[in-house]
Protein backbone atom coordinates (compact mmCIF):
# COMPACT_ATOMS: atom_id res chain seq x y z
CA MET A 1 -172.92 62.63 -21.76
CA SER A 2 -169.77 62.23 -19.79
CA SER A 3 -166.00 62.62 -21.45
CA PHE A 4 -162.73 61.61 -20.13
CA ARG A 5 -159.41 64.07 -19.95
CA ILE A 6 -156.54 62.34 -19.96
CA GLN A 7 -152.91 63.52 -19.90
CA GLY A 8 -150.72 61.03 -21.45
CA GLY A 9 -147.52 60.18 -21.41
CA LYS A 10 -147.35 58.64 -17.44
CA ARG A 11 -146.09 55.52 -16.37
CA LEU A 12 -148.08 53.41 -14.27
CA SER A 13 -147.04 50.70 -11.49
CA GLY A 14 -148.64 48.19 -9.23
CA THR A 15 -151.83 45.80 -8.77
CA ILE A 16 -155.09 45.80 -10.45
CA LEU A 17 -157.99 42.97 -9.96
CA PRO A 18 -160.45 42.39 -12.86
CA GLN A 19 -163.95 42.67 -12.19
CA GLY A 20 -166.14 39.92 -12.65
CA ALA A 21 -167.00 39.00 -16.08
CA LYS A 22 -169.68 40.86 -18.03
CA ASN A 23 -170.18 38.27 -20.44
CA GLU A 24 -170.77 35.50 -17.89
CA ALA A 25 -173.11 37.95 -15.63
CA LEU A 26 -175.12 38.45 -18.49
CA GLN A 27 -176.29 34.57 -19.02
CA ILE A 28 -176.23 33.69 -15.50
CA LEU A 29 -178.60 36.57 -14.53
CA CYS A 30 -180.82 35.78 -17.15
CA ALA A 31 -180.92 31.85 -15.92
CA THR A 32 -182.02 32.85 -12.35
CA LEU A 33 -186.07 33.29 -13.77
CA LEU A 34 -185.71 29.20 -14.86
CA THR A 35 -186.50 28.47 -10.85
CA PRO A 36 -188.77 29.78 -8.40
CA GLU A 37 -186.04 29.17 -5.44
CA PRO A 38 -183.74 31.89 -4.55
CA VAL A 39 -180.18 32.11 -6.48
CA THR A 40 -177.09 33.67 -4.98
CA ILE A 41 -174.74 35.35 -7.43
CA HIS A 42 -171.09 36.83 -6.49
CA ASN A 43 -168.46 39.03 -8.00
CA ILE A 44 -171.18 40.71 -10.34
CA PRO A 45 -169.59 43.63 -11.85
CA ASP A 46 -171.01 46.66 -11.54
CA ILE A 47 -171.60 48.03 -14.82
CA LEU A 48 -174.29 50.20 -16.96
CA ASP A 49 -175.41 46.71 -18.95
CA VAL A 50 -175.38 44.40 -16.03
CA ASN A 51 -177.01 46.82 -13.88
CA LYS A 52 -179.48 47.61 -16.62
CA LEU A 53 -180.41 43.64 -16.92
CA ILE A 54 -180.84 43.49 -12.89
CA GLU A 55 -183.08 45.86 -13.40
CA LEU A 56 -185.28 44.29 -16.15
CA LEU A 57 -185.22 41.52 -13.75
CA ALA A 58 -186.98 43.07 -10.78
CA ASP A 59 -189.45 44.79 -13.08
CA LEU A 60 -190.59 41.27 -14.25
CA GLY A 61 -191.05 40.40 -10.60
CA CYS A 62 -188.03 39.13 -9.50
CA LYS A 63 -187.03 39.93 -6.00
CA VAL A 64 -183.47 41.28 -6.44
CA GLU A 65 -181.78 41.97 -2.69
CA LYS A 66 -178.15 43.24 -2.78
CA LEU A 67 -176.31 41.20 -0.38
CA ALA A 68 -173.10 42.81 -0.35
CA ALA A 69 -170.81 44.64 -3.27
CA GLY A 70 -170.81 42.62 -5.77
CA SER A 71 -173.30 39.47 -4.48
CA TYR A 72 -176.77 39.31 -5.15
CA ARG A 73 -179.61 36.99 -4.00
CA PHE A 74 -182.54 36.62 -6.87
CA THR A 75 -185.87 34.77 -6.17
CA ALA A 76 -188.06 34.53 -9.22
CA ALA A 77 -191.03 32.89 -7.49
CA LYS A 78 -193.41 35.67 -8.74
CA VAL A 79 -192.60 36.33 -12.57
CA ASP A 80 -195.20 38.80 -14.57
CA ILE A 81 -194.91 37.72 -17.75
CA ALA A 82 -197.81 40.08 -18.95
CA HIS A 83 -194.99 43.10 -18.61
CA LEU A 84 -193.05 41.64 -21.50
CA GLU A 85 -195.70 43.41 -23.52
CA THR A 86 -195.51 46.78 -21.71
CA GLU A 87 -194.07 49.81 -23.21
CA SER A 88 -191.76 50.09 -20.40
CA TYR A 89 -190.18 46.84 -20.98
CA ARG A 90 -189.79 47.08 -24.27
CA LYS A 91 -187.93 50.17 -24.21
CA LYS A 92 -185.41 48.91 -21.39
CA ALA A 93 -184.95 45.11 -23.27
CA ALA A 94 -184.34 47.32 -26.82
CA SER A 95 -181.45 49.37 -25.28
CA LEU A 96 -179.18 45.84 -24.29
CA ARG A 97 -178.42 43.14 -26.16
CA GLY A 98 -178.46 40.92 -23.51
CA SER A 99 -182.16 40.91 -22.74
CA VAL A 100 -182.08 38.41 -25.61
CA MET A 101 -181.15 35.60 -23.13
CA LEU A 102 -184.02 36.26 -21.11
CA LEU A 103 -185.93 34.21 -23.82
CA GLY A 104 -184.47 30.78 -23.23
CA PRO A 105 -185.53 30.96 -19.48
CA ILE A 106 -188.68 32.68 -19.83
CA LEU A 107 -190.09 30.08 -22.51
CA ALA A 108 -188.72 26.87 -20.98
CA ARG A 109 -190.64 28.11 -17.32
CA PHE A 110 -193.61 29.82 -18.61
CA GLY A 111 -194.02 28.61 -22.72
CA LYS A 112 -194.63 31.97 -23.90
CA ALA A 113 -192.69 35.15 -24.41
CA SER A 114 -192.29 38.34 -26.61
CA ILE A 115 -188.99 40.12 -26.74
CA PRO A 116 -188.10 43.82 -28.79
CA LYS A 117 -185.38 43.51 -31.46
CA PRO A 118 -182.24 43.95 -29.12
CA GLY A 119 -179.71 46.96 -28.80
CA GLY A 120 -176.06 46.97 -28.10
CA ASP A 121 -173.09 48.17 -29.84
CA LYS A 122 -172.60 49.60 -33.03
CA ILE A 123 -170.45 47.15 -35.08
CA GLY A 124 -172.08 45.62 -37.43
CA ARG A 125 -175.44 43.24 -38.11
CA ARG A 126 -175.44 41.04 -35.23
CA ARG A 127 -178.19 38.10 -36.08
CA LEU A 128 -180.52 36.26 -33.89
CA ASP A 129 -181.00 33.88 -36.42
CA THR A 130 -179.01 31.14 -34.12
CA HIS A 131 -181.29 31.88 -30.86
CA PHE A 132 -184.79 31.47 -33.13
CA LEU A 133 -183.54 28.33 -35.16
CA GLY A 134 -182.58 26.42 -32.08
CA PHE A 135 -185.78 27.64 -30.18
CA GLN A 136 -188.09 26.42 -33.48
CA ASN A 137 -186.29 23.01 -33.21
CA LEU A 138 -187.36 22.66 -29.66
CA GLY A 139 -191.06 23.07 -31.31
CA ALA A 140 -191.73 27.08 -30.85
CA LYS A 141 -193.29 28.97 -32.94
CA PHE A 142 -192.53 32.46 -33.62
CA GLY A 143 -193.65 36.04 -35.32
CA TYR A 144 -191.90 39.24 -36.11
CA ASP A 145 -194.46 42.61 -35.69
CA SER A 146 -192.29 44.92 -37.50
CA THR A 147 -194.73 47.58 -36.88
CA GLY A 148 -193.73 46.60 -33.14
CA ASN A 149 -190.73 45.94 -33.55
CA LEU A 150 -191.57 42.91 -31.26
CA PHE A 151 -190.82 38.80 -31.58
CA GLN A 152 -193.76 36.72 -30.55
CA ILE A 153 -192.75 33.26 -29.35
CA ASP A 154 -194.92 30.63 -28.71
CA ALA A 155 -193.21 27.56 -26.61
CA SER A 156 -196.17 25.58 -24.65
CA GLY A 157 -194.36 22.32 -25.81
CA LEU A 158 -191.13 22.21 -26.02
CA LYS A 159 -189.50 18.91 -26.97
CA GLY A 160 -185.76 17.60 -26.89
CA CYS A 161 -184.26 17.13 -30.40
CA TYR A 162 -180.94 17.03 -32.17
CA MET A 163 -179.68 20.54 -33.89
CA LEU A 164 -176.81 21.16 -35.43
CA LEU A 165 -176.14 25.16 -34.84
CA ASP A 166 -175.81 27.31 -37.67
CA GLU A 167 -172.59 29.43 -35.91
CA ALA A 168 -171.01 28.53 -32.70
CA SER A 169 -172.57 31.81 -31.14
CA VAL A 170 -172.27 32.15 -27.44
CA THR A 171 -175.61 33.39 -26.78
CA GLY A 172 -177.18 31.95 -28.82
CA THR A 173 -175.85 28.33 -27.36
CA ALA A 174 -176.51 29.78 -23.73
CA ASN A 175 -180.63 31.15 -24.91
CA ILE A 176 -180.74 27.58 -26.29
CA LEU A 177 -179.24 25.60 -23.78
CA MET A 178 -181.52 26.98 -21.11
CA ALA A 179 -184.62 26.49 -23.38
CA ALA A 180 -183.82 22.96 -23.60
CA ALA A 181 -182.85 22.43 -19.57
CA MET A 182 -186.48 21.96 -18.96
CA ALA A 183 -187.51 20.34 -22.14
CA LYS A 184 -189.23 17.15 -22.61
CA GLY A 185 -186.43 14.42 -23.48
CA THR A 186 -182.88 14.96 -24.86
CA THR A 187 -181.49 17.79 -26.61
CA THR A 188 -177.97 17.33 -28.67
CA ILE A 189 -176.35 20.45 -29.30
CA TYR A 190 -173.47 20.47 -32.07
CA ASN A 191 -171.42 23.20 -33.15
CA ALA A 192 -172.19 24.62 -29.69
CA ALA A 193 -170.08 27.32 -28.34
CA CYS A 194 -167.15 26.10 -25.53
CA GLU A 195 -166.33 29.50 -24.08
CA PRO A 196 -165.50 29.57 -20.16
CA TYR A 197 -168.90 31.65 -19.72
CA LEU A 198 -170.84 28.62 -21.32
CA GLN A 199 -169.11 26.34 -19.07
CA GLN A 200 -169.93 28.49 -15.96
CA LEU A 201 -173.49 28.52 -17.20
CA CYS A 202 -173.39 25.13 -17.79
CA HIS A 203 -172.15 23.86 -13.74
CA MET A 204 -174.10 26.47 -12.40
CA LEU A 205 -177.48 24.93 -14.46
CA ASN A 206 -176.13 21.22 -13.17
CA ARG A 207 -176.14 22.35 -9.52
CA MET A 208 -179.78 23.56 -9.95
CA GLY A 209 -180.65 20.20 -11.37
CA ALA A 210 -180.08 19.88 -14.99
CA LYS A 211 -178.74 17.09 -16.99
CA ILE A 212 -175.70 18.56 -18.91
CA SER A 213 -172.85 16.71 -20.34
CA GLY A 214 -170.43 17.39 -22.59
CA ILE A 215 -169.23 20.61 -20.73
CA GLY A 216 -166.14 22.45 -22.61
CA SER A 217 -166.79 20.73 -25.90
CA ASN A 218 -168.94 22.01 -28.82
CA LEU A 219 -171.24 18.99 -28.29
CA LEU A 220 -173.50 19.30 -25.63
CA VAL A 221 -176.19 16.92 -24.72
CA VAL A 222 -179.01 18.01 -22.14
CA GLU A 223 -181.68 15.76 -20.75
CA GLY A 224 -184.59 17.81 -19.74
CA VAL A 225 -185.98 18.32 -16.38
CA SER A 226 -189.06 18.98 -15.39
CA LYS A 227 -188.10 21.90 -12.09
CA LEU A 228 -184.89 23.82 -10.97
CA GLY A 229 -183.90 24.56 -7.80
CA GLY A 230 -181.93 27.23 -6.50
CA THR A 231 -177.84 27.64 -6.09
CA GLU A 232 -174.70 29.94 -5.71
CA HIS A 233 -172.66 31.07 -8.23
CA THR A 234 -169.60 32.84 -8.66
CA LEU A 235 -168.41 34.96 -11.77
CA LEU A 236 -165.25 34.38 -13.32
CA PRO A 237 -163.14 37.53 -13.81
CA ASP A 238 -163.10 39.13 -16.88
CA MET A 239 -160.74 38.17 -19.47
CA ILE A 240 -161.50 40.89 -21.79
CA GLU A 241 -160.48 43.43 -18.83
CA ILE A 242 -157.19 41.29 -18.38
CA GLY A 243 -156.43 41.13 -21.65
CA SER A 244 -157.04 45.23 -21.70
CA PHE A 245 -154.80 45.36 -18.85
CA ILE A 246 -151.94 43.28 -20.36
CA GLY A 247 -152.34 45.74 -23.38
CA LEU A 248 -152.28 49.08 -21.16
CA ALA A 249 -148.80 47.87 -19.13
CA ALA A 250 -147.15 47.11 -22.76
CA MET A 251 -148.32 50.84 -24.29
CA THR A 252 -147.61 52.82 -20.80
CA GLN A 253 -144.57 51.24 -20.52
CA SER A 254 -145.41 50.05 -16.86
CA GLU A 255 -145.23 47.31 -14.52
CA ILE A 256 -148.42 46.07 -13.58
CA THR A 257 -149.62 42.82 -11.41
CA ILE A 258 -153.31 41.95 -12.60
CA LYS A 259 -154.46 39.30 -9.79
CA ASN A 260 -156.23 36.68 -9.52
CA CYS A 261 -156.64 35.85 -13.32
CA ARG A 262 -158.02 32.25 -13.76
CA ILE A 263 -154.88 31.84 -16.19
CA ASP A 264 -156.76 28.17 -17.06
CA MET A 265 -159.57 30.20 -18.92
CA LEU A 266 -157.81 32.98 -20.66
CA GLY A 267 -157.07 30.37 -23.84
CA MET A 268 -154.82 32.07 -26.15
CA ILE A 269 -155.16 35.65 -25.21
CA PRO A 270 -151.51 35.68 -22.88
CA GLU A 271 -150.01 34.05 -26.00
CA THR A 272 -151.25 36.07 -28.38
CA PHE A 273 -150.01 39.21 -26.65
CA ARG A 274 -146.42 37.04 -26.27
CA ARG A 275 -146.28 37.38 -30.23
CA LEU A 276 -147.09 41.01 -29.99
CA GLY A 277 -143.88 41.18 -27.75
CA ILE A 278 -145.31 41.81 -24.58
CA LYS A 279 -143.23 39.63 -21.69
CA MET A 280 -145.52 38.42 -19.11
CA GLU A 281 -144.73 36.14 -15.90
CA PHE A 282 -147.44 34.11 -14.36
CA ARG A 283 -146.93 33.80 -10.40
CA GLY A 284 -149.51 31.84 -9.35
CA ASP A 285 -152.51 32.76 -10.51
CA ASP A 286 -151.27 36.50 -11.04
CA ILE A 287 -150.16 38.03 -14.32
CA HIS A 288 -147.43 40.21 -13.69
CA ILE A 289 -146.35 42.39 -16.88
CA PRO A 290 -142.81 44.23 -16.11
CA ALA A 291 -141.95 47.53 -17.75
CA GLN A 292 -140.79 47.43 -21.48
CA ASP A 293 -139.12 50.02 -23.27
CA HIS A 294 -139.62 47.96 -26.25
CA ILE A 295 -141.72 45.45 -27.96
CA GLU A 296 -141.05 43.59 -31.04
CA ILE A 297 -143.90 41.62 -32.99
CA GLU A 298 -143.24 38.29 -34.19
CA SER A 299 -143.28 36.99 -37.33
CA PHE A 300 -144.48 33.80 -38.65
CA ILE A 301 -142.24 30.95 -39.28
CA ASP A 302 -141.37 31.22 -42.73
CA GLY A 303 -140.69 35.28 -42.02
CA SER A 304 -143.76 36.48 -43.30
CA ILE A 305 -146.23 39.26 -41.49
CA LEU A 306 -148.02 37.99 -38.60
CA THR A 307 -151.45 37.82 -39.14
CA ILE A 308 -153.58 38.10 -35.85
CA ALA A 309 -157.63 37.15 -36.27
CA ASP A 310 -160.23 36.59 -34.01
CA ALA A 311 -161.51 32.99 -33.61
CA PRO A 312 -164.12 31.08 -31.42
CA TRP A 313 -163.01 29.91 -28.22
CA PRO A 314 -160.08 29.02 -27.54
CA GLY A 315 -158.91 31.16 -30.00
CA PHE A 316 -158.06 35.19 -29.62
CA THR A 317 -161.76 36.70 -28.41
CA PRO A 318 -162.93 39.48 -31.16
CA ASP A 319 -163.24 41.88 -27.89
CA LEU A 320 -159.99 42.14 -27.75
CA ILE A 321 -159.10 42.86 -31.84
CA SER A 322 -159.07 46.37 -30.72
CA VAL A 323 -156.69 46.44 -28.17
CA ALA A 324 -154.38 44.27 -29.85
CA LEU A 325 -154.53 46.75 -32.81
CA VAL A 326 -153.17 49.44 -30.72
CA VAL A 327 -150.69 47.70 -28.88
CA ALA A 328 -149.27 46.88 -32.44
CA THR A 329 -149.03 50.67 -32.85
CA GLN A 330 -145.94 50.88 -30.96
CA ALA A 331 -144.67 47.85 -31.23
CA LYS A 332 -141.59 46.78 -33.78
CA GLY A 333 -143.02 45.33 -37.02
CA SER A 334 -145.92 45.15 -38.76
CA VAL A 335 -148.86 42.84 -38.22
CA LEU A 336 -151.98 42.26 -40.05
CA ILE A 337 -155.26 42.57 -37.90
CA HIS A 338 -158.28 40.24 -39.18
CA GLN A 339 -161.78 40.86 -37.46
CA LYS A 340 -163.64 38.30 -38.93
CA MET A 341 -166.95 38.77 -37.10
CA PHE A 342 -167.72 42.09 -37.17
CA GLU A 343 -167.82 44.51 -40.14
CA SER A 344 -167.73 47.90 -38.23
CA ARG A 345 -165.38 46.94 -35.53
CA LEU A 346 -162.23 48.52 -37.03
CA PHE A 347 -163.56 51.52 -38.00
CA PHE A 348 -162.44 53.68 -34.86
CA VAL A 349 -158.67 53.44 -36.02
CA ASP A 350 -159.21 56.54 -38.23
CA LYS A 351 -158.74 57.76 -34.47
CA LEU A 352 -155.53 56.43 -34.02
CA ILE A 353 -154.47 57.50 -37.69
CA ASP A 354 -155.41 61.17 -36.45
CA MET A 355 -153.40 60.47 -33.07
CA GLY A 356 -150.08 59.44 -35.41
CA ALA A 357 -150.60 55.61 -36.12
CA GLN A 358 -149.37 54.06 -39.02
CA ILE A 359 -152.52 51.95 -40.20
CA ILE A 360 -154.11 51.08 -43.45
CA LEU A 361 -157.54 50.01 -43.24
CA CYS A 362 -157.52 47.24 -46.06
CA ASP A 363 -161.66 46.99 -45.59
CA PRO A 364 -163.95 46.60 -42.95
CA HIS A 365 -162.18 43.62 -41.41
CA ARG A 366 -158.52 44.08 -42.10
CA ALA A 367 -156.25 46.60 -40.95
CA ASN A 368 -152.34 46.43 -41.37
CA VAL A 369 -150.73 48.10 -38.67
CA ILE A 370 -146.80 49.17 -39.14
CA GLY A 371 -145.44 49.64 -35.42
CA LEU A 372 -144.19 53.03 -35.05
CA ASP A 373 -141.46 51.22 -32.42
CA ARG A 374 -141.81 54.20 -29.82
CA LYS A 375 -139.95 56.25 -32.15
CA TYR A 376 -142.90 58.62 -32.79
CA ALA A 377 -145.13 58.99 -30.01
CA LEU A 378 -148.57 58.55 -30.29
CA ARG A 379 -150.21 62.69 -29.72
CA GLY A 380 -153.52 63.52 -27.84
CA ILE A 381 -156.62 64.29 -29.63
CA LYS A 382 -160.39 65.04 -29.33
CA MET A 383 -162.27 61.67 -30.05
CA SER A 384 -165.86 59.96 -29.52
CA SER A 385 -165.74 56.29 -28.04
CA PRO A 386 -168.03 54.26 -30.82
CA ASP A 387 -168.18 51.37 -29.12
CA ILE A 388 -167.17 49.53 -25.62
CA ARG A 389 -164.08 47.60 -26.72
CA ALA A 390 -162.81 50.64 -29.10
CA GLY A 391 -163.55 52.75 -26.35
CA VAL A 392 -161.03 50.71 -23.49
CA ALA A 393 -158.49 50.48 -26.83
CA LEU A 394 -158.90 54.46 -27.41
CA LEU A 395 -158.58 55.11 -24.02
CA ILE A 396 -155.20 53.02 -23.61
CA ALA A 397 -153.72 54.90 -26.79
CA ALA A 398 -154.68 58.29 -25.11
CA LEU A 399 -152.41 56.85 -21.94
CA SER A 400 -149.52 56.41 -23.83
CA ALA A 401 -149.71 59.67 -25.66
CA ASN A 402 -147.81 62.47 -25.60
CA GLY A 403 -150.20 65.52 -24.25
CA VAL A 404 -154.01 65.70 -23.38
CA SER A 405 -157.10 63.76 -25.12
CA GLU A 406 -160.73 63.73 -24.71
CA ILE A 407 -162.87 61.05 -25.18
CA SER A 408 -166.24 61.68 -25.45
CA ASN A 409 -169.61 59.34 -25.36
CA VAL A 410 -167.66 57.21 -22.19
CA GLU A 411 -170.84 55.67 -21.15
CA GLN A 412 -169.94 53.53 -24.14
CA ILE A 413 -166.86 52.25 -21.70
CA ASP A 414 -169.03 52.60 -18.74
CA ARG A 415 -171.10 49.66 -20.03
CA GLY A 416 -168.31 47.11 -19.66
CA TYR A 417 -166.03 48.19 -17.19
CA GLN A 418 -166.75 49.04 -13.30
CA ASP A 419 -164.81 52.22 -12.22
CA ILE A 420 -162.32 51.96 -14.96
CA GLU A 421 -161.24 55.39 -14.27
CA GLY A 422 -160.67 55.05 -10.38
CA ARG A 423 -159.16 51.95 -10.69
CA LEU A 424 -156.32 53.41 -13.18
CA ILE A 425 -156.05 56.63 -11.31
CA LYS A 426 -154.83 54.36 -8.51
CA LEU A 427 -152.33 53.36 -10.59
CA GLY A 428 -151.21 56.62 -11.61
CA ALA A 429 -153.12 57.45 -14.47
CA ALA A 430 -154.50 61.21 -15.16
CA ILE A 431 -157.82 60.60 -15.79
CA GLU A 432 -160.60 63.12 -15.17
CA ARG A 433 -164.41 62.58 -16.10
CA VAL A 434 -166.03 65.46 -17.06
CA ASN A 435 -169.54 65.72 -17.34
C-alpha cells in the first residue's frame, strides 16, 4: 500500500494537460466487444480502473495491441464466453464496477452472459436495477445466484421496444444502448442519460454501423442492425480532472493553464466554480486560472446562502462535489453542499475538520461549509483516501495546508488519475510517494 507525503503551502505554476476521460474509456472499451473487426482507441488514460478493464478484455480473448502511449487496437474476433464462468474472471470483474458494461455488448453479440456483482468505490449503495430492467425490457431473462454472487443472463432473442428508465443512469443507458444496437427492431429509450461520454459512445457506435438518433437528448431511438464493424475513436479530456485542477489552482493561489479542455463539453463545471469565486479565462480551448489571494462565494439573488448540488448532465457532476467543498473551506462566505446521489460521499469531511476547516455535516447528503477566507490556513495531518474523488479533494487540501500531510491508500486515487504526483510535481508541488 502506498502513501503520499505532501509539503503544503507552495504556490504552483505552469500548464497541465488533462488525461483522457476515465468514465468514457470504460464505456468505449466495452463497446469493442460488439464487433469482430479492429477498433482503435486514442487518448486512453493509464490508470488502474482502465488497465483492469483492458486486462479483462484480453482475458476474454480480445486481441489487445498497444500502438503508442494512450493508443490501443482491440480485435474481438475470438471471444471466449466460457471465461465468464471462471473464478479468475469473477475475482477481477468483482473488483471493477465498470465491468458491468461488458454485459450489453456480450448479450448483443452472443446472447448470454454472467457477471459477478461489481465492486468500486465505497460511496454508498449503487443500484444495478436500471441495467437489468433495460435488458428485461429487451427480452432478456436473468437470475441472481446469491451463493456465487453471480448474475446469469439469457438474451438469445433481444427485441426492440419502448422503455422509460427509472433513473437517468449513465452506465445503465450505455449498457442498454449497446445491447439495443443489435436487437431486432427499434428501441426507444426515454429518460436516457445525455452526458458527453454517452454522446461519444453514440457517435462511435454510429461509425461502426449502428443507427442511433436523438444524440445529446434524453430520448434515444435505436434501430437494431445485424452486425457492427470496426472504427477509430479518440476520448474526450477528463472533465473531472479539469474541475479538480481548477479547484487546485484556487486552493493553492496558483496560476495554472489547463490545456485542450473541450470547454463545450464541460456543462456547469466552469460556472459552478465561478460561483465559488474562482476567476478563469477561456483562451481558445484552454482554461487559464490566475493566482487569487482571495475568493468570495456568491449568494443567491435574494441574498440567501448559495447551494451547490449535483445533478444529471448538464448539471454539476457529483464527481466534483468533494472538490467544490474543499475550495469553499478557504473562500469568503458560506455554502450548502448537497450531494444527492451517494449517501456516503461526504464522510471524508471529518478529515477536513481535523485540518481546521469549519464544516457542519447536516446528514449523509448535506454539509454546510463556513469559509475561512484564508484567515486560518488548513494544517497538515495524516489521513486515508476513502475513494477516488474524495482522495483527490484531500490531496488538494493537503497541497494548500501548512505543514506536512500524509495520505494513505492512494491506490484509490490511482484508480482515476494518471501519474497525478508526477504531473503536479512539474507544477512545483512537493509530493513524495512512499511505499
